[in-house]
């Protein structure tokens, strides 16, 4: 059975749904970096930062669930 990194790479190559989640996760990270670089973030920035962190975590959870489900199915076979 492949390790977690190898499995992620395989999913990035073979699963459109996983690629979309990964891309959106990366976009959230880039936006969070932009907000963090501001010297004086506004209240709107802080609210967006909180929303992005929650959304990014939800995306990660969905990707991990896909990987976990795949691994569980492999064990059953």
PDB file of N, CA and C in Angstrom:
ATOM      1  N   UNK A   1       0.845  -1.178   0.000  1.00  0.00           N
ATOM      2  CA  UNK A   1       0.000   0.000   0.000  1.00  0.00           C
ATOM      3  C   UNK A   1       0.894   1.247   0.000  1.00  0.00           C
ATOM      4  N   UNK A   2       0.587   2.255  -0.844  1.00  0.00           N
ATOM      5  CA  UNK A   2       1.421   3.451  -0.913  1.00  0.00           C
ATOM      6  C   UNK A   2       1.311   4.283   0.363  1.00  0.00           C
ATOM      7  N   UNK A   3       2.386   5.047   0.643  1.00  0.00           N
ATOM      8  CA  UNK A   3       2.320   5.927   1.808  1.00  0.00           C
ATOM      9  C   UNK A   3       1.399   7.112   1.504  1.00  0.00           C
ATOM     10  N   UNK A   4       1.133   7.929   2.502  1.00  0.00           N
ATOM     11  CA  UNK A   4       0.156   9.014   2.364  1.00  0.00           C
ATOM     12  C   UNK A   4       0.539  10.002   1.264  1.00  0.00           C
ATOM     13  N   UNK A   5       1.822  10.374   1.189  1.00  0.00           N
ATOM     14  CA  UNK A   5       2.247  11.325   0.157  1.00  0.00           C
ATOM     15  C   UNK A   5       2.092  10.738  -1.235  1.00  0.00           C
ATOM     16  N   UNK A   6       2.459   9.483  -1.398  1.00  0.00           N
ATOM     17  CA  UNK A   6       2.322   8.832  -2.702  1.00  0.00           C
ATOM     18  C   UNK A   6       0.853   8.729  -3.092  1.00  0.00           C
ATOM     19  N   UNK A   7       0.008   8.440  -2.128  1.00  0.00           N
ATOM     20  CA  UNK A   7      -1.423   8.336  -2.407  1.00  0.00           C
ATOM     21  C   UNK A   7      -1.995   9.696  -2.806  1.00  0.00           C
ATOM     22  N   UNK A   8      -1.564  10.764  -2.124  1.00  0.00           N
ATOM     23  CA  UNK A   8      -2.010  12.116  -2.495  1.00  0.00           C
ATOM     24  C   UNK A   8      -1.608  12.430  -3.930  1.00  0.00           C
ATOM     25  N   UNK A   9      -0.363  12.114  -4.277  1.00  0.00           N
ATOM     26  CA  UNK A   9       0.117  12.367  -5.636  1.00  0.00           C
ATOM     27  C   UNK A   9      -0.693  11.575  -6.658  1.00  0.00           C
ATOM     28  N   UNK A  10      -1.005  10.332  -6.333  1.00  0.00           N
ATOM     29  CA  UNK A  10      -1.821   9.503  -7.225  1.00  0.00           C
ATOM     30  C   UNK A  10      -3.204  10.131  -7.409  1.00  0.00           C
ATOM     31  N   UNK A  11      -3.807  10.589  -6.322  1.00  0.00           N
ATOM     32  CA  UNK A  11      -5.126  11.215  -6.413  1.00  0.00           C
ATOM     33  C   UNK A  11      -5.063  12.515  -7.212  1.00  0.00           C
ATOM     34  N   UNK A  12      -3.984  13.272  -7.065  1.00  0.00           N
ATOM     35  CA  UNK A  12      -3.842  14.505  -7.843  1.00  0.00           C
ATOM     36  C   UNK A  12      -3.781  14.194  -9.337  1.00  0.00           C
ATOM     37  N   UNK A  13      -3.185  13.071  -9.692  1.00  0.00           N
ATOM     38  CA  UNK A  13      -3.095  12.671 -11.097  1.00  0.00           C
ATOM     39  C   UNK A  13      -4.404  12.089 -11.616  1.00  0.00           C
ATOM     40  N   UNK A  14      -5.136  11.383 -10.776  1.00  0.00           N
ATOM     41  CA  UNK A  14      -6.246  10.571 -11.276  1.00  0.00           C
ATOM     42  C   UNK A  14      -7.641  11.050 -10.884  1.00  0.00           C
ATOM     43  N   UNK A  15      -7.774  11.907  -9.903  1.00  0.00           N
ATOM     44  CA  UNK A  15      -9.102  12.298  -9.420  1.00  0.00           C
ATOM     45  C   UNK A  15      -9.351  13.791  -9.637  1.00  0.00           C
ATOM     46  N   UNK A  16     -10.282  14.089 -10.527  1.00  0.00           N
ATOM     47  CA  UNK A  16     -10.639  15.480 -10.790  1.00  0.00           C
ATOM     48  C   UNK A  16     -11.209  16.138  -9.531  1.00  0.00           C
ATOM     49  N   UNK A  17     -12.044  15.425  -8.799  1.00  0.00           N
ATOM     50  CA  UNK A  17     -12.638  15.975  -7.574  1.00  0.00           C
ATOM     51  C   UNK A  17     -11.548  16.326  -6.564  1.00  0.00           C
ATOM     52  N   UNK A  18     -10.564  15.449  -6.405  1.00  0.00           N
ATOM     53  CA  UNK A  18      -9.471  15.701  -5.469  1.00  0.00           C
ATOM     54  C   UNK A  18      -8.649  16.899  -5.933  1.00  0.00           C
ATOM     55  N   UNK A  19      -8.390  16.982  -7.251  1.00  0.00           N
ATOM     56  CA  UNK A  19      -7.621  18.113  -7.792  1.00  0.00           C
ATOM     57  C   UNK A  19      -8.334  19.432  -7.522  1.00  0.00           C
ATOM     58  N   UNK A  20      -9.661  19.456  -7.696  1.00  0.00           N
ATOM     59  CA  UNK A  20     -10.416  20.689  -7.455  1.00  0.00           C
ATOM     60  C   UNK A  20     -10.357  21.096  -5.983  1.00  0.00           C
ATOM     61  N   UNK A  21     -10.511  20.133  -5.094  1.00  0.00           N
ATOM     62  CA  UNK A  21     -10.406  20.424  -3.661  1.00  0.00           C
ATOM     63  C   UNK A  21      -9.009  20.937  -3.320  1.00  0.00           C
ATOM     64  N   UNK A  22      -7.993  20.296  -3.879  1.00  0.00           N
ATOM     65  CA  UNK A  22      -6.603  20.682  -3.622  1.00  0.00           C
ATOM     66  C   UNK A  22      -6.335  22.100  -4.130  1.00  0.00           C
ATOM     67  N   UNK A  23      -6.823  22.416  -5.325  1.00  0.00           N
ATOM     68  CA  UNK A  23      -6.622  23.750  -5.890  1.00  0.00           C
ATOM     69  C   UNK A  23      -7.311  24.811  -5.037  1.00  0.00           C
ATOM     70  N   UNK A  24      -8.518  24.530  -4.604  1.00  0.00           N
ATOM     71  CA  UNK A  24      -9.244  25.485  -3.763  1.00  0.00           C
ATOM     72  C   UNK A  24      -8.544  25.662  -2.416  1.00  0.00           C
ATOM     73  N   UNK A  25      -8.030  24.578  -1.862  1.00  0.00           N
ATOM     74  CA  UNK A  25      -7.273  24.627  -0.607  1.00  0.00           C
ATOM     75  C   UNK A  25      -6.047  25.526  -0.782  1.00  0.00           C
ATOM     76  N   UNK A  26      -5.356  25.368  -1.908  1.00  0.00           N
ATOM     77  CA  UNK A  26      -4.166  26.173  -2.196  1.00  0.00           C
ATOM     78  C   UNK A  26      -4.539  27.655  -2.354  1.00  0.00           C
ATOM     79  N   UNK A  27      -5.662  27.938  -3.022  1.00  0.00           N
ATOM     80  CA  UNK A  27      -6.115  29.322  -3.180  1.00  0.00           C
ATOM     81  C   UNK A  27      -6.412  29.960  -1.823  1.00  0.00           C
ATOM     82  N   UNK A  28      -7.022  29.207  -0.931  1.00  0.00           N
ATOM     83  CA  UNK A  28      -7.287  29.715   0.422  1.00  0.00           C
ATOM     84  C   UNK A  28      -5.975  30.046   1.125  1.00  0.00           C
ATOM     85  N   UNK A  29      -4.996  29.161   0.998  1.00  0.00           N
ATOM     86  CA  UNK A  29      -3.691  29.387   1.630  1.00  0.00           C
ATOM     87  C   UNK A  29      -3.034  30.648   1.084  1.00  0.00           C
ATOM     88  N   UNK A  30      -3.082  30.838  -0.237  1.00  0.00           N
ATOM     89  CA  UNK A  30      -2.489  32.036  -0.837  1.00  0.00           C
ATOM     90  C   UNK A  30      -3.168  33.302  -0.322  1.00  0.00           C
ATOM     91  N   UNK A  31      -4.485  33.273  -0.217  1.00  0.00           N
ATOM     92  CA  UNK A  31      -5.223  34.441   0.278  1.00  0.00           C
ATOM     93  C   UNK A  31      -4.895  34.706   1.747  1.00  0.00           C
ATOM     94  N   UNK A  32      -4.754  33.651   2.533  1.00  0.00           N
ATOM     95  CA  UNK A  32      -4.380  33.820   3.938  1.00  0.00           C
ATOM     96  C   UNK A  32      -2.997  34.450   4.065  1.00  0.00           C
ATOM     97  N   UNK A  33      -2.079  34.068   3.201  1.00  0.00           N
ATOM     98  CA  UNK A  33      -0.733  34.659   3.212  1.00  0.00           C
ATOM     99  C   UNK A  33      -0.827  36.148   2.888  1.00  0.00           C
ATOM    100  N   UNK A  34      -1.649  36.502   1.896  1.00  0.00           N
ATOM    101  CA  UNK A  34      -1.820  37.913   1.543  1.00  0.00           C
ATOM    102  C   UNK A  34      -2.358  38.714   2.724  1.00  0.00           C
ATOM    103  N   UNK A  35      -3.343  38.171   3.396  1.00  0.00           N
ATOM    104  CA  UNK A  35      -3.928  38.870   4.548  1.00  0.00           C
ATOM    105  C   UNK A  35      -2.892  39.002   5.662  1.00  0.00           C
ATOM    106  N   UNK A  36      -2.121  37.958   5.910  1.00  0.00           N
ATOM    107  CA  UNK A  36      -1.122  37.972   6.984  1.00  0.00           C
ATOM    108  C   UNK A  36      -0.019  38.988   6.722  1.00  0.00           C
ATOM    109  N   UNK A  37       0.234  39.299   5.467  1.00  0.00           N
ATOM    110  CA  UNK A  37       1.304  40.238   5.128  1.00  0.00           C
ATOM    111  C   UNK A  37       0.898  41.694   5.326  1.00  0.00           C
ATOM    112  N   UNK A  38      -0.367  41.940   5.537  1.00  0.00           N
ATOM    113  CA  UNK A  38      -0.825  43.315   5.758  1.00  0.00           C
ATOM    114  C   UNK A  38      -0.376  43.784   7.135  1.00  0.00           C
ATOM    115  N   UNK A  39       0.083  45.021   7.185  1.00  0.00           N
ATOM    116  CA  UNK A  39       0.561  45.546   8.460  1.00  0.00           C
ATOM    117  C   UNK A  39      -0.591  45.901   9.395  1.00  0.00           C
ATOM    118  N   UNK A  40      -1.708  46.308   8.826  1.00  0.00           N
ATOM    119  CA  UNK A  40      -2.855  46.688   9.641  1.00  0.00           C
ATOM    120  C   UNK A  40      -4.127  46.124   9.009  1.00  0.00           C
ATOM    121  N   UNK A  41      -4.416  44.849   9.263  1.00  0.00           N
ATOM    122  CA  UNK A  41      -5.603  44.248   8.643  1.00  0.00           C
ATOM    123  C   UNK A  41      -6.893  44.872   9.178  1.00  0.00           C
ATOM    124  N   UNK A  42      -7.852  45.042   8.290  1.00  0.00           N
ATOM    125  CA  UNK A  42      -9.152  45.606   8.674  1.00  0.00           C
ATOM    126  C   UNK A  42     -10.008  44.531   9.343  1.00  0.00           C
ATOM    127  N   UNK A  43     -11.143  44.954   9.876  1.00  0.00           N
ATOM    128  CA  UNK A  43     -12.078  43.988  10.461  1.00  0.00           C
ATOM    129  C   UNK A  43     -12.581  43.022   9.395  1.00  0.00           C
ATOM    130  N   UNK A  44     -12.749  43.534   8.168  1.00  0.00           N
ATOM    131  CA  UNK A  44     -13.176  42.672   7.066  1.00  0.00           C
ATOM    132  C   UNK A  44     -12.112  41.617   6.769  1.00  0.00           C
ATOM    133  N   UNK A  45     -10.835  42.037   6.804  1.00  0.00           N
ATOM    134  CA  UNK A  45      -9.732  41.093   6.589  1.00  0.00           C
ATOM    135  C   UNK A  45      -9.732  40.007   7.665  1.00  0.00           C
ATOM    136  N   UNK A  46      -9.937  40.420   8.898  1.00  0.00           N
ATOM    137  CA  UNK A  46      -9.941  39.453   9.998  1.00  0.00           C
ATOM    138  C   UNK A  46     -11.108  38.477   9.874  1.00  0.00           C
ATOM    139  N   UNK A  47     -12.266  38.986   9.455  1.00  0.00           N
ATOM    140  CA  UNK A  47     -13.424  38.110   9.249  1.00  0.00           C
ATOM    141  C   UNK A  47     -13.165  37.153   8.090  1.00  0.00           C
ATOM    142  N   UNK A  48     -12.560  37.677   7.017  1.00  0.00           N
ATOM    143  CA  UNK A  48     -12.234  36.822   5.871  1.00  0.00           C
ATOM    144  C   UNK A  48     -11.204  35.764   6.266  1.00  0.00           C
ATOM    145  N   UNK A  49     -10.222  36.168   7.062  1.00  0.00           N
ATOM    146  CA  UNK A  49      -9.207  35.222   7.518  1.00  0.00           C
ATOM    147  C   UNK A  49      -9.854  34.066   8.295  1.00  0.00           C
ATOM    148  N   UNK A  50     -10.764  34.397   9.182  1.00  0.00           N
ATOM    149  CA  UNK A  50     -11.444  33.365   9.967  1.00  0.00           C
ATOM    150  C   UNK A  50     -12.250  32.436   9.061  1.00  0.00           C
ATOM    151  N   UNK A  51     -12.998  33.026   8.120  1.00  0.00           N
ATOM    152  CA  UNK A  51     -13.803  32.238   7.189  1.00  0.00           C
ATOM    153  C   UNK A  51     -12.914  31.333   6.338  1.00  0.00           C
ATOM    154  N   UNK A  52     -11.797  31.879   5.845  1.00  0.00           N
ATOM    155  CA  UNK A  52     -10.883  31.097   5.009  1.00  0.00           C
ATOM    156  C   UNK A  52     -10.260  29.935   5.777  1.00  0.00           C
ATOM    157  N   UNK A  53      -9.897  30.174   7.027  1.00  0.00           N
ATOM    158  CA  UNK A  53      -9.306  29.101   7.831  1.00  0.00           C
ATOM    159  C   UNK A  53     -10.296  27.957   8.031  1.00  0.00           C
ATOM    160  N   UNK A  54     -11.545  28.308   8.293  1.00  0.00           N
ATOM    161  CA  UNK A  54     -12.574  27.280   8.482  1.00  0.00           C
ATOM    162  C   UNK A  54     -12.811  26.526   7.174  1.00  0.00           C
ATOM    163  N   UNK A  55     -12.900  27.262   6.080  1.00  0.00           N
ATOM    164  CA  UNK A  55     -13.136  26.642   4.774  1.00  0.00           C
ATOM    165  C   UNK A  55     -11.951  25.760   4.368  1.00  0.00           C
ATOM    166  N   UNK A  56     -10.753  26.258   4.596  1.00  0.00           N
ATOM    167  CA  UNK A  56      -9.543  25.496   4.257  1.00  0.00           C
ATOM    168  C   UNK A  56      -9.499  24.189   5.047  1.00  0.00           C
ATOM    169  N   UNK A  57      -9.852  24.240   6.308  1.00  0.00           N
ATOM    170  CA  UNK A  57      -9.875  23.031   7.133  1.00  0.00           C
ATOM    171  C   UNK A  57     -10.932  22.046   6.631  1.00  0.00           C
ATOM    172  N   UNK A  58     -12.088  22.568   6.231  1.00  0.00           N
ATOM    173  CA  UNK A  58     -13.142  21.696   5.689  1.00  0.00           C
ATOM    174  C   UNK A  58     -12.675  21.025   4.399  1.00  0.00           C
ATOM    175  N   UNK A  59     -11.967  21.766   3.558  1.00  0.00           N
ATOM    176  CA  UNK A  59     -11.430  21.182   2.325  1.00  0.00           C
ATOM    177  C   UNK A  59     -10.425  20.083   2.644  1.00  0.00           C
ATOM    178  N   UNK A  60      -9.553  20.353   3.603  1.00  0.00           N
ATOM    179  CA  UNK A  60      -8.561  19.346   3.998  1.00  0.00           C
ATOM    180  C   UNK A  60      -9.260  18.097   4.529  1.00  0.00           C
ATOM    181  N   UNK A  61     -10.286  18.299   5.343  1.00  0.00           N
ATOM    182  CA  UNK A  61     -11.037  17.160   5.880  1.00  0.00           C
ATOM    183  C   UNK A  61     -11.652  16.330   4.760  1.00  0.00           C
ATOM    184  N   UNK A  62     -12.200  16.997   3.732  1.00  0.00           N
ATOM    185  CA  UNK A  62     -12.800  16.267   2.615  1.00  0.00           C
ATOM    186  C   UNK A  62     -11.744  15.485   1.836  1.00  0.00           C
ATOM    187  N   UNK A  63     -10.579  16.101   1.621  1.00  0.00           N
ATOM    188  CA  UNK A  63      -9.505  15.387   0.914  1.00  0.00           C
ATOM    189  C   UNK A  63      -9.030  14.185   1.725  1.00  0.00           C
ATOM    190  N   UNK A  64      -8.849  14.382   3.022  1.00  0.00           N
ATOM    191  CA  UNK A  64      -8.403  13.282   3.883  1.00  0.00           C
ATOM    192  C   UNK A  64      -9.442  12.165   3.922  1.00  0.00           C
ATOM    193  N   UNK A  65     -10.725  12.531   3.897  1.00  0.00           N
ATOM    194  CA  UNK A  65     -11.779  11.515   3.885  1.00  0.00           C
ATOM    195  C   UNK A  65     -11.717  10.691   2.607  1.00  0.00           C
ATOM    196  N   UNK A  66     -11.440  11.343   1.486  1.00  0.00           N
ATOM    197  CA  UNK A  66     -11.303  10.611   0.223  1.00  0.00           C
ATOM    198  C   UNK A  66     -10.146   9.626   0.297  1.00  0.00           C
ATOM    199  N   UNK A  67      -9.017  10.076   0.835  1.00  0.00           N
ATOM    200  CA  UNK A  67      -7.842   9.207   0.953  1.00  0.00           C
ATOM    201  C   UNK A  67      -8.118   8.049   1.906  1.00  0.00           C
ATOM    202  N   UNK A  68      -8.741   8.362   3.026  1.00  0.00           N
ATOM    203  CA  UNK A  68      -9.044   7.338   4.022  1.00  0.00           C
ATOM    204  C   UNK A  68     -10.001   6.284   3.451  1.00  0.00           C
ATOM    205  N   UNK A  69     -11.024   6.745   2.733  1.00  0.00           N
ATOM    206  CA  UNK A  69     -11.983   5.820   2.130  1.00  0.00           C
ATOM    207  C   UNK A  69     -11.282   4.901   1.125  1.00  0.00           C
ATOM    208  N   UNK A  70     -10.389   5.472   0.340  1.00  0.00           N
ATOM    209  CA  UNK A  70      -9.638   4.666  -0.626  1.00  0.00           C
ATOM    210  C   UNK A  70      -8.799   3.608   0.092  1.00  0.00           C
ATOM    211  N   UNK A  71      -8.109   4.021   1.155  1.00  0.00           N
ATOM    212  CA  UNK A  71      -7.274   3.079   1.900  1.00  0.00           C
ATOM    213  C   UNK A  71      -8.120   1.981   2.536  1.00  0.00           C
ATOM    214  N   UNK A  72      -9.278   2.341   3.071  1.00  0.00           N
ATOM    215  CA  UNK A  72     -10.158   1.340   3.682  1.00  0.00           C
ATOM    216  C   UNK A  72     -10.665   0.350   2.640  1.00  0.00           C
ATOM    217  N   UNK A  73     -10.969   0.846   1.461  1.00  0.00           N
ATOM    218  CA  UNK A  73     -11.419  -0.044   0.391  1.00  0.00           C
ATOM    219  C   UNK A  73     -10.301  -0.977  -0.057  1.00  0.00           C
ATOM    220  N   UNK A  74      -9.058  -0.503  -0.028  1.00  0.00           N
ATOM    221  CA  UNK A  74      -7.924  -1.338  -0.412  1.00  0.00           C
ATOM    222  C   UNK A  74      -7.691  -2.447   0.602  1.00  0.00           C
ATOM    223  N   UNK A  75      -7.917  -2.143   1.867  1.00  0.00           N
ATOM    224  CA  UNK A  75      -7.722  -3.132   2.930  1.00  0.00           C
ATOM    225  C   UNK A  75      -8.760  -4.242   2.802  1.00  0.00           C
ATOM    226  N   UNK A  76      -9.987  -3.872   2.424  1.00  0.00           N
ATOM    227  CA  UNK A  76     -11.064  -4.857   2.291  1.00  0.00           C
ATOM    228  C   UNK A  76     -10.834  -5.825   1.139  1.00  0.00           C
ATOM    229  N   UNK A  77     -10.115  -5.377   0.121  1.00  0.00           N
ATOM    230  CA  UNK A  77      -9.920  -6.213  -1.074  1.00  0.00           C
ATOM    231  C   UNK A  77      -8.965  -7.337  -0.823  1.00  0.00           C
TER     232      UNK A  77
END
